PDB file of all heavy atoms in Angstrom:
ATOM      1  N   VAL A   1      45.026 -55.365 -70.933  1.00  0.00           N
ATOM      2  CA  VAL A   1      43.798 -55.996 -70.843  1.00  0.00           C
ATOM      3  C   VAL A   1      42.754 -55.399 -71.829  1.00  0.00           C
ATOM      4  O   VAL A   1      42.149 -55.968 -72.589  1.00  0.00           O
ATOM      5  CB  VAL A   1      43.181 -55.987 -69.373  1.00  0.00           C
ATOM      6  CG1 VAL A   1      41.749 -56.338 -69.392  1.00  0.00           C
ATOM      7  CG2 VAL A   1      44.062 -56.800 -68.515  1.00  0.00           C
ATOM      8  N   GLN A   2      42.755 -53.966 -71.815  1.00  0.00           N
ATOM      9  CA  GLN A   2      41.785 -53.247 -72.651  1.00  0.00           C
ATOM     10  C   GLN A   2      42.055 -53.456 -74.068  1.00  0.00           C
ATOM     11  O   GLN A   2      41.231 -53.580 -74.998  1.00  0.00           O
ATOM     12  CB  GLN A   2      41.749 -51.779 -72.245  1.00  0.00           C
ATOM     13  CG  GLN A   2      41.250 -51.509 -70.878  1.00  0.00           C
ATOM     14  CD  GLN A   2      41.516 -50.146 -70.354  1.00  0.00           C
ATOM     15  OE1 GLN A   2      41.941 -49.244 -71.135  1.00  0.00           O
ATOM     16  NE2 GLN A   2      41.362 -49.854 -69.069  1.00  0.00           N
ATOM     17  N   SER A   3      43.379 -53.400 -74.488  1.00  0.00           N
ATOM     18  CA  SER A   3      43.820 -53.528 -75.914  1.00  0.00           C
ATOM     19  C   SER A   3      43.502 -54.984 -76.428  1.00  0.00           C
ATOM     20  O   SER A   3      43.048 -55.077 -77.538  1.00  0.00           O
ATOM     21  CB  SER A   3      45.262 -53.099 -75.997  1.00  0.00           C
ATOM     22  OG  SER A   3      45.481 -51.794 -75.736  1.00  0.00           O
ATOM     23  N   MET A   4      43.748 -55.897 -75.568  1.00  0.00           N
ATOM     24  CA  MET A   4      43.525 -57.304 -76.061  1.00  0.00           C
ATOM     25  C   MET A   4      42.015 -57.538 -76.258  1.00  0.00           C
ATOM     26  O   MET A   4      41.687 -58.200 -77.218  1.00  0.00           O
ATOM     27  CB  MET A   4      44.015 -58.272 -75.001  1.00  0.00           C
ATOM     28  CG  MET A   4      45.521 -58.409 -74.820  1.00  0.00           C
ATOM     29  SD  MET A   4      46.317 -58.919 -76.382  1.00  0.00           S
ATOM     30  CE  MET A   4      48.065 -58.919 -75.825  1.00  0.00           C
ATOM     31  N   GLU A   5      41.243 -56.993 -75.404  1.00  0.00           N
ATOM     32  CA  GLU A   5      39.727 -57.148 -75.514  1.00  0.00           C
ATOM     33  C   GLU A   5      39.212 -56.257 -76.721  1.00  0.00           C
ATOM     34  O   GLU A   5      38.390 -56.810 -77.575  1.00  0.00           O
ATOM     35  CB  GLU A   5      39.019 -56.735 -74.285  1.00  0.00           C
ATOM     36  CG  GLU A   5      39.294 -57.588 -73.076  1.00  0.00           C
ATOM     37  CD  GLU A   5      38.539 -57.237 -71.860  1.00  0.00           C
ATOM     38  OE1 GLU A   5      38.089 -56.126 -71.772  1.00  0.00           O
ATOM     39  OE2 GLU A   5      38.538 -58.052 -70.874  1.00  0.00           O
ATOM     40  N   ARG A   6      39.657 -55.098 -76.807  1.00  0.00           N
ATOM     41  CA  ARG A   6      39.157 -54.167 -77.970  1.00  0.00           C
ATOM     42  C   ARG A   6      39.717 -54.543 -79.283  1.00  0.00           C
ATOM     43  O   ARG A   6      38.939 -54.640 -80.343  1.00  0.00           O
ATOM     44  CB  ARG A   6      39.496 -52.684 -77.631  1.00  0.00           C
ATOM     45  CG  ARG A   6      39.076 -51.740 -78.709  1.00  0.00           C
ATOM     46  CD  ARG A   6      37.546 -51.629 -78.836  1.00  0.00           C
ATOM     47  NE  ARG A   6      37.186 -50.636 -79.745  1.00  0.00           N
ATOM     48  CZ  ARG A   6      36.857 -50.919 -81.068  1.00  0.00           C
ATOM     49  NH1 ARG A   6      37.012 -52.176 -81.445  1.00  0.00           N
ATOM     50  NH2 ARG A   6      36.567 -50.052 -82.025  1.00  0.00           N
ATOM     51  N   ILE A   7      40.973 -54.852 -79.430  1.00  0.00           N
ATOM     52  CA  ILE A   7      41.620 -54.996 -80.721  1.00  0.00           C
ATOM     53  C   ILE A   7      41.602 -56.478 -81.147  1.00  0.00           C
ATOM     54  O   ILE A   7      41.221 -56.708 -82.394  1.00  0.00           O
ATOM     55  CB  ILE A   7      43.044 -54.512 -80.687  1.00  0.00           C
ATOM     56  CG1 ILE A   7      43.117 -53.008 -80.311  1.00  0.00           C
ATOM     57  CG2 ILE A   7      43.747 -54.781 -82.017  1.00  0.00           C
ATOM     58  CD1 ILE A   7      44.497 -52.444 -80.125  1.00  0.00           C
ATOM     59  N   LEU A   8      41.833 -57.391 -80.238  1.00  0.00           N
ATOM     60  CA  LEU A   8      41.780 -58.848 -80.604  1.00  0.00           C
ATOM     61  C   LEU A   8      40.550 -59.556 -80.236  1.00  0.00           C
ATOM     62  O   LEU A   8      40.401 -60.713 -80.608  1.00  0.00           O
ATOM     63  CB  LEU A   8      43.073 -59.458 -80.044  1.00  0.00           C
ATOM     64  CG  LEU A   8      44.412 -58.850 -80.375  1.00  0.00           C
ATOM     65  CD1 LEU A   8      45.556 -59.650 -79.750  1.00  0.00           C
ATOM     66  CD2 LEU A   8      44.601 -58.845 -81.912  1.00  0.00           C
ATOM     67  N   GLY A   9      39.722 -59.006 -79.392  1.00  0.00           N
ATOM     68  CA  GLY A   9      38.504 -59.594 -78.940  1.00  0.00           C
ATOM     69  C   GLY A   9      38.726 -60.858 -77.987  1.00  0.00           C
ATOM     70  O   GLY A   9      37.948 -61.824 -77.998  1.00  0.00           O
ATOM     71  N   LEU A  10      39.870 -60.736 -77.235  1.00  0.00           N
ATOM     72  CA  LEU A  10      40.217 -61.895 -76.417  1.00  0.00           C
ATOM     73  C   LEU A  10      40.194 -61.387 -74.887  1.00  0.00           C
ATOM     74  O   LEU A  10      40.501 -60.274 -74.600  1.00  0.00           O
ATOM     75  CB  LEU A  10      41.613 -62.352 -76.717  1.00  0.00           C
ATOM     76  CG  LEU A  10      41.769 -63.058 -78.183  1.00  0.00           C
ATOM     77  CD1 LEU A  10      43.221 -63.311 -78.403  1.00  0.00           C
ATOM     78  CD2 LEU A  10      40.980 -64.267 -78.248  1.00  0.00           C
ATOM     79  N   HIS A  11      39.711 -62.360 -74.075  1.00  0.00           N
ATOM     80  CA  HIS A  11      39.736 -62.051 -72.619  1.00  0.00           C
ATOM     81  C   HIS A  11      41.231 -62.352 -72.111  1.00  0.00           C
ATOM     82  O   HIS A  11      41.917 -63.260 -72.574  1.00  0.00           O
ATOM     83  CB  HIS A  11      38.826 -63.071 -71.956  1.00  0.00           C
ATOM     84  CG  HIS A  11      38.728 -62.842 -70.466  1.00  0.00           C
ATOM     85  ND1 HIS A  11      38.076 -61.834 -69.935  1.00  0.00           N
ATOM     86  CD2 HIS A  11      39.204 -63.679 -69.457  1.00  0.00           C
ATOM     87  CE1 HIS A  11      38.133 -61.906 -68.559  1.00  0.00           C
ATOM     88  NE2 HIS A  11      38.721 -62.966 -68.346  1.00  0.00           N
ATOM     89  N   CYS A  12      41.604 -61.439 -71.198  1.00  0.00           N
ATOM     90  CA  CYS A  12      43.076 -61.407 -70.765  1.00  0.00           C
ATOM     91  C   CYS A  12      43.113 -61.750 -69.275  1.00  0.00           C
ATOM     92  O   CYS A  12      42.397 -61.044 -68.459  1.00  0.00           O
ATOM     93  CB  CYS A  12      43.578 -60.078 -71.116  1.00  0.00           C
ATOM     94  SG  CYS A  12      45.352 -59.861 -70.806  1.00  0.00           S
ATOM     95  N   CYS A  13      44.029 -62.641 -68.921  1.00  0.00           N
ATOM     96  CA  CYS A  13      44.320 -62.902 -67.465  1.00  0.00           C
ATOM     97  C   CYS A  13      45.823 -62.587 -67.242  1.00  0.00           C
ATOM     98  O   CYS A  13      46.642 -62.991 -67.940  1.00  0.00           O
ATOM     99  CB  CYS A  13      44.015 -64.322 -67.081  1.00  0.00           C
ATOM    100  SG  CYS A  13      42.238 -64.721 -67.063  1.00  0.00           S
ATOM    101  N   ILE A  14      46.031 -61.799 -66.213  1.00  0.00           N
ATOM    102  CA  ILE A  14      47.356 -61.362 -65.895  1.00  0.00           C
ATOM    103  C   ILE A  14      47.761 -61.655 -64.491  1.00  0.00           C
ATOM    104  O   ILE A  14      47.022 -61.442 -63.610  1.00  0.00           O
ATOM    105  CB  ILE A  14      47.588 -59.849 -66.237  1.00  0.00           C
ATOM    106  CG1 ILE A  14      47.382 -59.589 -67.752  1.00  0.00           C
ATOM    107  CG2 ILE A  14      48.924 -59.373 -65.831  1.00  0.00           C
ATOM    108  CD1 ILE A  14      47.501 -58.155 -68.150  1.00  0.00           C
ATOM    109  N   GLY A  15      49.056 -62.151 -64.305  1.00  0.00           N
ATOM    110  CA  GLY A  15      49.576 -62.301 -62.947  1.00  0.00           C
ATOM    111  C   GLY A  15      50.803 -61.474 -62.848  1.00  0.00           C
ATOM    112  O   GLY A  15      51.749 -61.468 -63.783  1.00  0.00           O
ATOM    113  N   ALA A  16      50.953 -60.787 -61.706  1.00  0.00           N
ATOM    114  CA  ALA A  16      52.251 -59.967 -61.531  1.00  0.00           C
ATOM    115  C   ALA A  16      53.036 -60.524 -60.315  1.00  0.00           C
ATOM    116  O   ALA A  16      52.474 -60.775 -59.195  1.00  0.00           O
ATOM    117  CB  ALA A  16      51.849 -58.486 -61.221  1.00  0.00           C
ATOM    118  N   GLY A  17      54.374 -60.748 -60.548  1.00  0.00           N
ATOM    119  CA  GLY A  17      55.174 -61.274 -59.416  1.00  0.00           C
ATOM    120  C   GLY A  17      55.659 -60.109 -58.626  1.00  0.00           C
ATOM    121  O   GLY A  17      55.372 -59.007 -58.745  1.00  0.00           O
ATOM    122  N   ARG A  18      56.445 -60.576 -57.593  1.00  0.00           N
ATOM    123  CA  ARG A  18      56.907 -59.517 -56.665  1.00  0.00           C
ATOM    124  C   ARG A  18      58.112 -58.725 -57.290  1.00  0.00           C
ATOM    125  O   ARG A  18      58.681 -59.168 -58.263  1.00  0.00           O
ATOM    126  CB  ARG A  18      57.451 -60.216 -55.363  1.00  0.00           C
ATOM    127  CG  ARG A  18      58.631 -61.107 -55.485  1.00  0.00           C
ATOM    128  CD  ARG A  18      58.916 -61.866 -54.140  1.00  0.00           C
ATOM    129  NE  ARG A  18      58.042 -63.017 -54.198  1.00  0.00           N
ATOM    130  CZ  ARG A  18      57.389 -63.391 -53.162  1.00  0.00           C
ATOM    131  NH1 ARG A  18      57.450 -62.708 -52.036  1.00  0.00           N
ATOM    132  NH2 ARG A  18      56.561 -64.392 -53.191  1.00  0.00           N
ATOM    133  N   VAL A  19      58.283 -57.613 -56.706  1.00  0.00           N
ATOM    134  CA  VAL A  19      59.438 -56.736 -57.158  1.00  0.00           C
ATOM    135  C   VAL A  19      60.776 -57.241 -56.598  1.00  0.00           C
ATOM    136  O   VAL A  19      60.771 -57.533 -55.411  1.00  0.00           O
ATOM    137  CB  VAL A  19      59.195 -55.275 -56.727  1.00  0.00           C
ATOM    138  CG1 VAL A  19      60.377 -54.422 -57.181  1.00  0.00           C
ATOM    139  CG2 VAL A  19      57.892 -54.754 -57.387  1.00  0.00           C
ATOM    140  N   THR A  20      61.749 -57.317 -57.457  1.00  0.00           N
ATOM    141  CA  THR A  20      63.094 -57.704 -56.896  1.00  0.00           C
ATOM    142  C   THR A  20      64.151 -56.697 -57.269  1.00  0.00           C
ATOM    143  O   THR A  20      63.991 -55.928 -58.262  1.00  0.00           O
ATOM    144  CB  THR A  20      63.460 -59.027 -57.516  1.00  0.00           C
ATOM    145  OG1 THR A  20      64.773 -59.379 -57.054  1.00  0.00           O
ATOM    146  CG2 THR A  20      63.544 -59.018 -59.025  1.00  0.00           C
ATOM    147  N   ASP A  21      65.162 -56.572 -56.535  1.00  0.00           N
ATOM    148  CA  ASP A  21      66.152 -55.494 -56.762  1.00  0.00           C
ATOM    149  C   ASP A  21      67.357 -56.037 -57.560  1.00  0.00           C
ATOM    150  O   ASP A  21      68.379 -55.331 -57.683  1.00  0.00           O
ATOM    151  CB  ASP A  21      66.564 -54.954 -55.410  1.00  0.00           C
ATOM    152  CG  ASP A  21      67.302 -56.001 -54.483  1.00  0.00           C
ATOM    153  OD1 ASP A  21      67.323 -57.170 -54.886  1.00  0.00           O
ATOM    154  OD2 ASP A  21      67.757 -55.574 -53.399  1.00  0.00           O
ATOM    155  N   ALA A  22      67.312 -57.301 -58.121  1.00  0.00           N
ATOM    156  CA  ALA A  22      68.509 -57.799 -58.748  1.00  0.00           C
ATOM    157  C   ALA A  22      67.988 -58.740 -59.978  1.00  0.00           C
ATOM    158  O   ALA A  22      66.973 -59.375 -59.931  1.00  0.00           O
ATOM    159  CB  ALA A  22      69.316 -58.725 -57.864  1.00  0.00           C
ATOM    160  N   LEU A  23      68.776 -58.590 -61.141  1.00  0.00           N
ATOM    161  CA  LEU A  23      68.431 -59.348 -62.280  1.00  0.00           C
ATOM    162  C   LEU A  23      68.621 -60.835 -61.969  1.00  0.00           C
ATOM    163  O   LEU A  23      67.842 -61.664 -62.469  1.00  0.00           O
ATOM    164  CB  LEU A  23      69.416 -58.944 -63.406  1.00  0.00           C
ATOM    165  CG  LEU A  23      69.022 -57.731 -64.246  1.00  0.00           C
ATOM    166  CD1 LEU A  23      70.244 -57.298 -65.098  1.00  0.00           C
ATOM    167  CD2 LEU A  23      67.837 -58.122 -65.141  1.00  0.00           C
ATOM    168  N   SER A  24      69.496 -61.162 -61.078  1.00  0.00           N
ATOM    169  CA  SER A  24      69.689 -62.616 -60.828  1.00  0.00           C
ATOM    170  C   SER A  24      68.552 -63.219 -59.964  1.00  0.00           C
ATOM    171  O   SER A  24      68.599 -64.404 -59.747  1.00  0.00           O
ATOM    172  CB  SER A  24      70.996 -62.721 -59.924  1.00  0.00           C
ATOM    173  OG  SER A  24      71.066 -61.864 -58.794  1.00  0.00           O
ATOM    174  N   LYS A  25      67.591 -62.415 -59.546  1.00  0.00           N
ATOM    175  CA  LYS A  25      66.494 -62.824 -58.777  1.00  0.00           C
ATOM    176  C   LYS A  25      65.159 -62.805 -59.540  1.00  0.00           C
ATOM    177  O   LYS A  25      64.091 -63.059 -58.952  1.00  0.00           O
ATOM    178  CB  LYS A  25      66.332 -61.999 -57.502  1.00  0.00           C
ATOM    179  CG  LYS A  25      67.490 -62.101 -56.547  1.00  0.00           C
ATOM    180  CD  LYS A  25      67.168 -61.186 -55.345  1.00  0.00           C
ATOM    181  CE  LYS A  25      68.407 -61.178 -54.418  1.00  0.00           C
ATOM    182  NZ  LYS A  25      68.251 -60.242 -53.251  1.00  0.00           N
ATOM    183  N   ILE A  26      65.202 -62.512 -60.828  1.00  0.00           N
ATOM    184  CA  ILE A  26      63.997 -62.341 -61.577  1.00  0.00           C
ATOM    185  C   ILE A  26      63.183 -63.687 -61.710  1.00  0.00           C
ATOM    186  O   ILE A  26      61.956 -63.709 -62.096  1.00  0.00           O
ATOM    187  CB  ILE A  26      64.080 -61.604 -62.953  1.00  0.00           C
ATOM    188  CG1 ILE A  26      64.912 -62.438 -63.862  1.00  0.00           C
ATOM    189  CG2 ILE A  26      64.591 -60.221 -62.754  1.00  0.00           C
ATOM    190  CD1 ILE A  26      64.977 -61.809 -65.265  1.00  0.00           C
ATOM    191  N   PHE A  27      63.965 -64.812 -61.612  1.00  0.00           N
ATOM    192  CA  PHE A  27      63.337 -66.158 -61.698  1.00  0.00           C
ATOM    193  C   PHE A  27      62.237 -66.172 -60.578  1.00  0.00           C
ATOM    194  O   PHE A  27      61.100 -66.824 -60.832  1.00  0.00           O
ATOM    195  CB  PHE A  27      64.349 -67.220 -61.383  1.00  0.00           C
ATOM    196  CG  PHE A  27      63.793 -68.514 -61.152  1.00  0.00           C
ATOM    197  CD1 PHE A  27      63.320 -69.266 -62.217  1.00  0.00           C
ATOM    198  CD2 PHE A  27      63.597 -69.040 -59.879  1.00  0.00           C
ATOM    199  CE1 PHE A  27      62.804 -70.592 -61.984  1.00  0.00           C
ATOM    200  CE2 PHE A  27      63.141 -70.300 -59.664  1.00  0.00           C
ATOM    201  CZ  PHE A  27      62.708 -71.108 -60.737  1.00  0.00           C
ATOM    202  N   GLU A  28      62.417 -65.651 -59.393  1.00  0.00           N
ATOM    203  CA  GLU A  28      61.470 -65.674 -58.295  1.00  0.00           C
ATOM    204  C   GLU A  28      60.218 -64.877 -58.630  1.00  0.00           C
ATOM    205  O   GLU A  28      59.072 -65.435 -58.522  1.00  0.00           O
ATOM    206  CB  GLU A  28      62.057 -65.081 -57.002  1.00  0.00           C
ATOM    207  CG  GLU A  28      63.266 -65.821 -56.507  1.00  0.00           C
ATOM    208  CD  GLU A  28      64.032 -65.127 -55.485  1.00  0.00           C
ATOM    209  OE1 GLU A  28      63.440 -64.105 -54.961  1.00  0.00           O
ATOM    210  OE2 GLU A  28      65.145 -65.551 -55.016  1.00  0.00           O
ATOM    211  N   SER A  29      60.412 -63.719 -59.348  1.00  0.00           N
ATOM    212  CA  SER A  29      59.289 -62.956 -59.655  1.00  0.00           C
ATOM    213  C   SER A  29      58.496 -63.671 -60.871  1.00  0.00           C
ATOM    214  O   SER A  29      57.315 -63.583 -60.927  1.00  0.00           O
ATOM    215  CB  SER A  29      59.762 -61.586 -60.204  1.00  0.00           C
ATOM    216  OG  SER A  29      58.595 -60.652 -60.504  1.00  0.00           O
ATOM    217  N   TYR A  30      59.266 -64.341 -61.704  1.00  0.00           N
ATOM    218  CA  TYR A  30      58.655 -65.072 -62.803  1.00  0.00           C
ATOM    219  C   TYR A  30      57.731 -66.174 -62.175  1.00  0.00           C
ATOM    220  O   TYR A  30      56.598 -66.390 -62.702  1.00  0.00           O
ATOM    221  CB  TYR A  30      59.685 -65.664 -63.656  1.00  0.00           C
ATOM    222  CG  TYR A  30      59.201 -66.666 -64.751  1.00  0.00           C
ATOM    223  CD1 TYR A  30      58.305 -66.233 -65.698  1.00  0.00           C
ATOM    224  CD2 TYR A  30      59.782 -67.969 -64.763  1.00  0.00           C
ATOM    225  CE1 TYR A  30      57.877 -67.126 -66.765  1.00  0.00           C
ATOM    226  CE2 TYR A  30      59.326 -68.854 -65.668  1.00  0.00           C
ATOM    227  CZ  TYR A  30      58.348 -68.423 -66.630  1.00  0.00           C
ATOM    228  OH  TYR A  30      57.973 -69.313 -67.639  1.00  0.00           O
ATOM    229  N   GLN A  31      58.164 -66.947 -61.295  1.00  0.00           N
ATOM    230  CA  GLN A  31      57.433 -68.059 -60.727  1.00  0.00           C
ATOM    231  C   GLN A  31      56.215 -67.441 -59.988  1.00  0.00           C
ATOM    232  O   GLN A  31      55.013 -68.066 -60.155  1.00  0.00           O
ATOM    233  CB  GLN A  31      58.256 -68.738 -59.678  1.00  0.00           C
ATOM    234  CG  GLN A  31      59.408 -69.611 -60.270  1.00  0.00           C
ATOM    235  CD  GLN A  31      58.837 -70.690 -61.210  1.00  0.00           C
ATOM    236  OE1 GLN A  31      57.934 -71.342 -60.939  1.00  0.00           O
ATOM    237  NE2 GLN A  31      59.415 -70.771 -62.407  1.00  0.00           N
ATOM    238  N   ASP A  32      56.370 -66.386 -59.355  1.00  0.00           N
ATOM    239  CA  ASP A  32      55.262 -65.605 -58.735  1.00  0.00           C
ATOM    240  C   ASP A  32      54.179 -65.308 -59.670  1.00  0.00           C
ATOM    241  O   ASP A  32      52.882 -65.437 -59.503  1.00  0.00           O
ATOM    242  CB  ASP A  32      55.727 -64.318 -57.999  1.00  0.00           C
ATOM    243  CG  ASP A  32      56.470 -64.681 -56.672  1.00  0.00           C
ATOM    244  OD1 ASP A  32      56.315 -65.762 -56.146  1.00  0.00           O
ATOM    245  OD2 ASP A  32      57.157 -63.742 -56.257  1.00  0.00           O
ATOM    246  N   SER A  33      54.569 -64.741 -60.792  1.00  0.00           N
ATOM    247  CA  SER A  33      53.667 -64.311 -61.858  1.00  0.00           C
ATOM    248  C   SER A  33      52.877 -65.357 -62.421  1.00  0.00           C
ATOM    249  O   SER A  33      51.682 -65.200 -62.674  1.00  0.00           O
ATOM    250  CB  SER A  33      54.470 -63.484 -63.008  1.00  0.00           C
ATOM    251  OG  SER A  33      55.127 -64.452 -63.810  1.00  0.00           O
ATOM    252  N   ILE A  34      53.469 -66.588 -62.525  1.00  0.00           N
ATOM    253  CA  ILE A  34      52.670 -67.690 -63.057  1.00  0.00           C
ATOM    254  C   ILE A  34      51.684 -68.169 -62.057  1.00  0.00           C
ATOM    255  O   ILE A  34      50.565 -68.352 -62.468  1.00  0.00           O
ATOM    256  CB  ILE A  34      53.662 -68.963 -63.290  1.00  0.00           C
ATOM    257  CG1 ILE A  34      54.635 -68.552 -64.482  1.00  0.00           C
ATOM    258  CG2 ILE A  34      52.895 -70.165 -63.624  1.00  0.00           C
ATOM    259  CD1 ILE A  34      55.713 -69.650 -64.682  1.00  0.00           C
ATOM    260  N   THR A  35      52.088 -68.105 -60.793  1.00  0.00           N
ATOM    261  CA  THR A  35      51.119 -68.568 -59.740  1.00  0.00           C
ATOM    262  C   THR A  35      49.920 -67.585 -59.714  1.00  0.00           C
ATOM    263  O   THR A  35      48.654 -67.962 -59.655  1.00  0.00           O
ATOM    264  CB  THR A  35      51.769 -68.469 -58.398  1.00  0.00           C
ATOM    265  OG1 THR A  35      52.855 -69.459 -58.305  1.00  0.00           O
ATOM    266  CG2 THR A  35      50.799 -68.849 -57.205  1.00  0.00           C
ATOM    267  N   ALA A  36      50.249 -66.276 -59.737  1.00  0.00           N
ATOM    268  CA  ALA A  36      49.150 -65.272 -59.738  1.00  0.00           C
ATOM    269  C   ALA A  36      48.288 -65.345 -61.010  1.00  0.00           C
ATOM    270  O   ALA A  36      47.114 -65.120 -60.986  1.00  0.00           O
ATOM    271  CB  ALA A  36      49.775 -63.817 -59.621  1.00  0.00           C
ATOM    272  N   MET A  37      48.907 -65.580 -62.099  1.00  0.00           N
ATOM    273  CA  MET A  37      48.094 -65.656 -63.384  1.00  0.00           C
ATOM    274  C   MET A  37      47.158 -66.810 -63.381  1.00  0.00           C
ATOM    275  O   MET A  37      45.999 -66.759 -63.817  1.00  0.00           O
ATOM    276  CB  MET A  37      49.029 -65.826 -64.594  1.00  0.00           C
ATOM    277  CG  MET A  37      48.397 -65.775 -65.973  1.00  0.00           C
ATOM    278  SD  MET A  37      49.453 -66.367 -67.359  1.00  0.00           S
ATOM    279  CE  MET A  37      49.780 -68.066 -66.877  1.00  0.00           C
TER     280      MET A  37
END
């Protein structure tokens, strides 16, 4: 967030998905991150 604002002058919105214990489940965290973003 700080680097995007300071270096590029852009406002940054970030969403973080849930933590998963398997690579085969990162799709779920990806969908969560979009919802949160």
